[in-house]
Protein backbone atom coordinates (compact mmCIF):
# COMPACT_ATOMS: atom_id res chain seq x y z
CA UNK A 1 0.00 0.00 0.00
CA UNK A 2 2.77 2.50 0.86
CA UNK A 3 4.49 1.64 -2.42
CA UNK A 4 1.37 2.66 -4.30
CA UNK A 5 1.23 5.95 -2.41
CA UNK A 6 4.90 6.62 -3.14
CA UNK A 7 4.43 5.90 -6.84
CA UNK A 8 1.37 8.16 -6.93
CA UNK A 9 3.28 10.93 -5.13
CA UNK A 10 6.23 10.61 -7.51
CA UNK A 11 3.92 10.67 -10.51
CA UNK A 12 2.18 13.80 -9.24
CA UNK A 13 5.52 15.42 -8.50
CA UNK A 14 6.87 14.69 -11.94
CA UNK A 15 3.71 15.81 -13.69
CA UNK A 16 3.76 19.11 -11.80
CA UNK A 17 7.51 19.50 -12.27
CA UNK A 18 7.36 18.86 -16.00
CA UNK A 19 4.78 21.60 -16.43
CA UNK A 20 7.57 24.12 -15.94
CA UNK A 21 10.42 24.41 -18.39
CA UNK A 22 13.92 25.12 -17.16
CA UNK A 23 14.08 28.71 -16.00
CA UNK A 24 10.36 29.27 -16.41
CA UNK A 25 8.67 31.32 -13.76
CA UNK A 26 5.43 30.03 -12.33
CA UNK A 27 2.49 32.13 -13.37
CA UNK A 28 -0.83 31.92 -11.54
CA UNK A 29 -2.31 30.19 -14.61
CA UNK A 30 0.23 27.38 -14.26
CA UNK A 31 -0.50 26.79 -10.57
CA UNK A 32 -3.47 24.47 -10.80
CA UNK A 33 -2.89 22.30 -7.74
CA UNK A 34 -3.57 22.81 -4.05
CA UNK A 35 -1.01 24.12 -1.58
CA UNK A 36 -0.84 20.70 0.10
CA UNK A 37 -0.06 19.02 -3.22
CA UNK A 38 2.73 21.52 -3.86
CA UNK A 39 4.08 20.87 -0.35
CA UNK A 40 4.20 17.16 -1.14
CA UNK A 41 5.95 17.87 -4.44
CA UNK A 42 8.50 20.10 -2.71
CA UNK A 43 9.32 17.35 -0.18
CA UNK A 44 9.71 14.85 -3.02
CA UNK A 45 11.95 17.10 -5.12
CA UNK A 46 14.06 18.10 -2.10
CA UNK A 47 14.94 14.45 -1.46
CA UNK A 48 15.55 13.80 -5.16
CA UNK A 49 17.68 16.93 -5.34
CA UNK A 50 19.83 15.73 -2.45
CA UNK A 51 20.32 12.37 -4.17
CA UNK A 52 21.21 14.10 -7.44
CA UNK A 53 23.74 16.36 -5.69
CA UNK A 54 25.40 13.33 -4.10
CA UNK A 55 25.49 11.56 -7.45
CA UNK A 56 26.89 14.67 -9.16
CA UNK A 57 29.75 14.79 -6.67
CA UNK A 58 30.74 11.32 -7.85
CA UNK A 59 29.93 11.84 -11.53
CA UNK A 60 29.54 15.23 -13.24
CA UNK A 61 27.03 13.76 -15.70
CA UNK A 62 24.39 14.18 -12.99
CA UNK A 63 24.75 17.98 -12.93
CA UNK A 64 21.81 18.31 -15.31
CA UNK A 65 19.64 16.39 -12.83
CA UNK A 66 20.65 18.85 -10.11
CA UNK A 67 19.66 21.75 -12.36
CA UNK A 68 16.32 20.13 -13.23
CA UNK A 69 15.41 19.55 -9.58
CA UNK A 70 16.44 23.10 -8.67
CA UNK A 71 14.18 24.45 -11.42
CA UNK A 72 11.26 22.22 -10.42
CA UNK A 73 11.68 23.19 -6.77
CA UNK A 74 11.72 26.89 -7.64
CA UNK A 75 8.54 26.54 -9.69
CA UNK A 76 6.75 24.52 -7.00
CA UNK A 77 7.78 27.02 -4.31
CA UNK A 78 6.53 29.89 -6.46
CA UNK A 79 3.19 28.13 -6.89
CA UNK A 80 3.03 27.50 -3.15
CA UNK A 81 3.36 31.25 -2.60
CA UNK A 82 0.74 31.88 -5.29
CA UNK A 83 -1.92 29.39 -4.15
CA UNK A 84 -1.11 29.53 -0.43
CA UNK A 85 -3.02 32.76 0.30
CA UNK A 86 -6.02 31.47 -1.66
CA UNK A 87 -6.26 28.37 0.50
CA UNK A 88 -6.71 30.46 3.66
CA UNK A 89 -9.75 32.33 2.32
C-alpha atoms as a PDB file:
ATOM      1  CA  UNK A   1       0.000   0.000   0.000  1.00  0.00           C
ATOM      2  CA  UNK A   2       2.765   2.497   0.857  1.00  0.00           C
ATOM      3  CA  UNK A   3       4.492   1.643  -2.419  1.00  0.00           C
ATOM      4  CA  UNK A   4       1.365   2.655  -4.303  1.00  0.00           C
ATOM      5  CA  UNK A   5       1.230   5.951  -2.406  1.00  0.00           C
ATOM      6  CA  UNK A   6       4.901   6.615  -3.143  1.00  0.00           C
ATOM      7  CA  UNK A   7       4.429   5.903  -6.841  1.00  0.00           C
ATOM      8  CA  UNK A   8       1.372   8.160  -6.931  1.00  0.00           C
ATOM      9  CA  UNK A   9       3.278  10.932  -5.132  1.00  0.00           C
ATOM     10  CA  UNK A  10       6.226  10.613  -7.505  1.00  0.00           C
ATOM     11  CA  UNK A  11       3.918  10.668 -10.512  1.00  0.00           C
ATOM     12  CA  UNK A  12       2.181  13.796  -9.238  1.00  0.00           C
ATOM     13  CA  UNK A  13       5.518  15.423  -8.499  1.00  0.00           C
ATOM     14  CA  UNK A  14       6.872  14.693 -11.940  1.00  0.00           C
ATOM     15  CA  UNK A  15       3.710  15.815 -13.687  1.00  0.00           C
ATOM     16  CA  UNK A  16       3.760  19.111 -11.804  1.00  0.00           C
ATOM     17  CA  UNK A  17       7.507  19.499 -12.270  1.00  0.00           C
ATOM     18  CA  UNK A  18       7.363  18.856 -16.003  1.00  0.00           C
ATOM     19  CA  UNK A  19       4.780  21.601 -16.434  1.00  0.00           C
ATOM     20  CA  UNK A  20       7.565  24.117 -15.938  1.00  0.00           C
ATOM     21  CA  UNK A  21      10.416  24.413 -18.387  1.00  0.00           C
ATOM     22  CA  UNK A  22      13.924  25.125 -17.164  1.00  0.00           C
ATOM     23  CA  UNK A  23      14.076  28.705 -16.001  1.00  0.00           C
ATOM     24  CA  UNK A  24      10.361  29.269 -16.413  1.00  0.00           C
ATOM     25  CA  UNK A  25       8.668  31.319 -13.762  1.00  0.00           C
ATOM     26  CA  UNK A  26       5.435  30.032 -12.327  1.00  0.00           C
ATOM     27  CA  UNK A  27       2.487  32.132 -13.371  1.00  0.00           C
ATOM     28  CA  UNK A  28      -0.827  31.920 -11.538  1.00  0.00           C
ATOM     29  CA  UNK A  29      -2.311  30.194 -14.610  1.00  0.00           C
ATOM     30  CA  UNK A  30       0.229  27.375 -14.257  1.00  0.00           C
ATOM     31  CA  UNK A  31      -0.503  26.794 -10.568  1.00  0.00           C
ATOM     32  CA  UNK A  32      -3.472  24.466 -10.803  1.00  0.00           C
ATOM     33  CA  UNK A  33      -2.895  22.299  -7.740  1.00  0.00           C
ATOM     34  CA  UNK A  34      -3.568  22.811  -4.054  1.00  0.00           C
ATOM     35  CA  UNK A  35      -1.012  24.122  -1.584  1.00  0.00           C
ATOM     36  CA  UNK A  36      -0.840  20.701   0.103  1.00  0.00           C
ATOM     37  CA  UNK A  37      -0.063  19.023  -3.223  1.00  0.00           C
ATOM     38  CA  UNK A  38       2.729  21.517  -3.864  1.00  0.00           C
ATOM     39  CA  UNK A  39       4.076  20.874  -0.354  1.00  0.00           C
ATOM     40  CA  UNK A  40       4.202  17.159  -1.144  1.00  0.00           C
ATOM     41  CA  UNK A  41       5.949  17.872  -4.442  1.00  0.00           C
ATOM     42  CA  UNK A  42       8.500  20.096  -2.707  1.00  0.00           C
ATOM     43  CA  UNK A  43       9.317  17.353  -0.180  1.00  0.00           C
ATOM     44  CA  UNK A  44       9.715  14.851  -3.019  1.00  0.00           C
ATOM     45  CA  UNK A  45      11.949  17.098  -5.117  1.00  0.00           C
ATOM     46  CA  UNK A  46      14.060  18.097  -2.097  1.00  0.00           C
ATOM     47  CA  UNK A  47      14.940  14.449  -1.457  1.00  0.00           C
ATOM     48  CA  UNK A  48      15.548  13.798  -5.160  1.00  0.00           C
ATOM     49  CA  UNK A  49      17.681  16.929  -5.341  1.00  0.00           C
ATOM     50  CA  UNK A  50      19.833  15.726  -2.452  1.00  0.00           C
ATOM     51  CA  UNK A  51      20.325  12.373  -4.172  1.00  0.00           C
ATOM     52  CA  UNK A  52      21.208  14.097  -7.443  1.00  0.00           C
ATOM     53  CA  UNK A  53      23.739  16.357  -5.686  1.00  0.00           C
ATOM     54  CA  UNK A  54      25.396  13.333  -4.101  1.00  0.00           C
ATOM     55  CA  UNK A  55      25.491  11.556  -7.453  1.00  0.00           C
ATOM     56  CA  UNK A  56      26.891  14.669  -9.160  1.00  0.00           C
ATOM     57  CA  UNK A  57      29.751  14.791  -6.671  1.00  0.00           C
ATOM     58  CA  UNK A  58      30.741  11.322  -7.853  1.00  0.00           C
ATOM     59  CA  UNK A  59      29.927  11.839 -11.529  1.00  0.00           C
ATOM     60  CA  UNK A  60      29.538  15.233 -13.235  1.00  0.00           C
ATOM     61  CA  UNK A  61      27.026  13.765 -15.703  1.00  0.00           C
ATOM     62  CA  UNK A  62      24.386  14.178 -12.987  1.00  0.00           C
ATOM     63  CA  UNK A  63      24.755  17.984 -12.929  1.00  0.00           C
ATOM     64  CA  UNK A  64      21.807  18.313 -15.308  1.00  0.00           C
ATOM     65  CA  UNK A  65      19.645  16.392 -12.826  1.00  0.00           C
ATOM     66  CA  UNK A  66      20.652  18.847 -10.105  1.00  0.00           C
ATOM     67  CA  UNK A  67      19.662  21.753 -12.362  1.00  0.00           C
ATOM     68  CA  UNK A  68      16.324  20.134 -13.229  1.00  0.00           C
ATOM     69  CA  UNK A  69      15.406  19.554  -9.578  1.00  0.00           C
ATOM     70  CA  UNK A  70      16.442  23.098  -8.673  1.00  0.00           C
ATOM     71  CA  UNK A  71      14.177  24.452 -11.424  1.00  0.00           C
ATOM     72  CA  UNK A  72      11.258  22.216 -10.420  1.00  0.00           C
ATOM     73  CA  UNK A  73      11.677  23.194  -6.770  1.00  0.00           C
ATOM     74  CA  UNK A  74      11.718  26.894  -7.635  1.00  0.00           C
ATOM     75  CA  UNK A  75       8.540  26.543  -9.687  1.00  0.00           C
ATOM     76  CA  UNK A  76       6.753  24.521  -6.997  1.00  0.00           C
ATOM     77  CA  UNK A  77       7.781  27.015  -4.313  1.00  0.00           C
ATOM     78  CA  UNK A  78       6.529  29.894  -6.461  1.00  0.00           C
ATOM     79  CA  UNK A  79       3.189  28.132  -6.890  1.00  0.00           C
ATOM     80  CA  UNK A  80       3.026  27.504  -3.149  1.00  0.00           C
ATOM     81  CA  UNK A  81       3.364  31.246  -2.601  1.00  0.00           C
ATOM     82  CA  UNK A  82       0.745  31.882  -5.289  1.00  0.00           C
ATOM     83  CA  UNK A  83      -1.915  29.395  -4.151  1.00  0.00           C
ATOM     84  CA  UNK A  84      -1.112  29.526  -0.430  1.00  0.00           C
ATOM     85  CA  UNK A  85      -3.017  32.756   0.301  1.00  0.00           C
ATOM     86  CA  UNK A  86      -6.019  31.474  -1.657  1.00  0.00           C
ATOM     87  CA  UNK A  87      -6.265  28.372   0.504  1.00  0.00           C
ATOM     88  CA  UNK A  88      -6.707  30.461   3.656  1.00  0.00           C
ATOM     89  CA  UNK A  89      -9.753  32.334   2.319  1.00  0.00           C
END
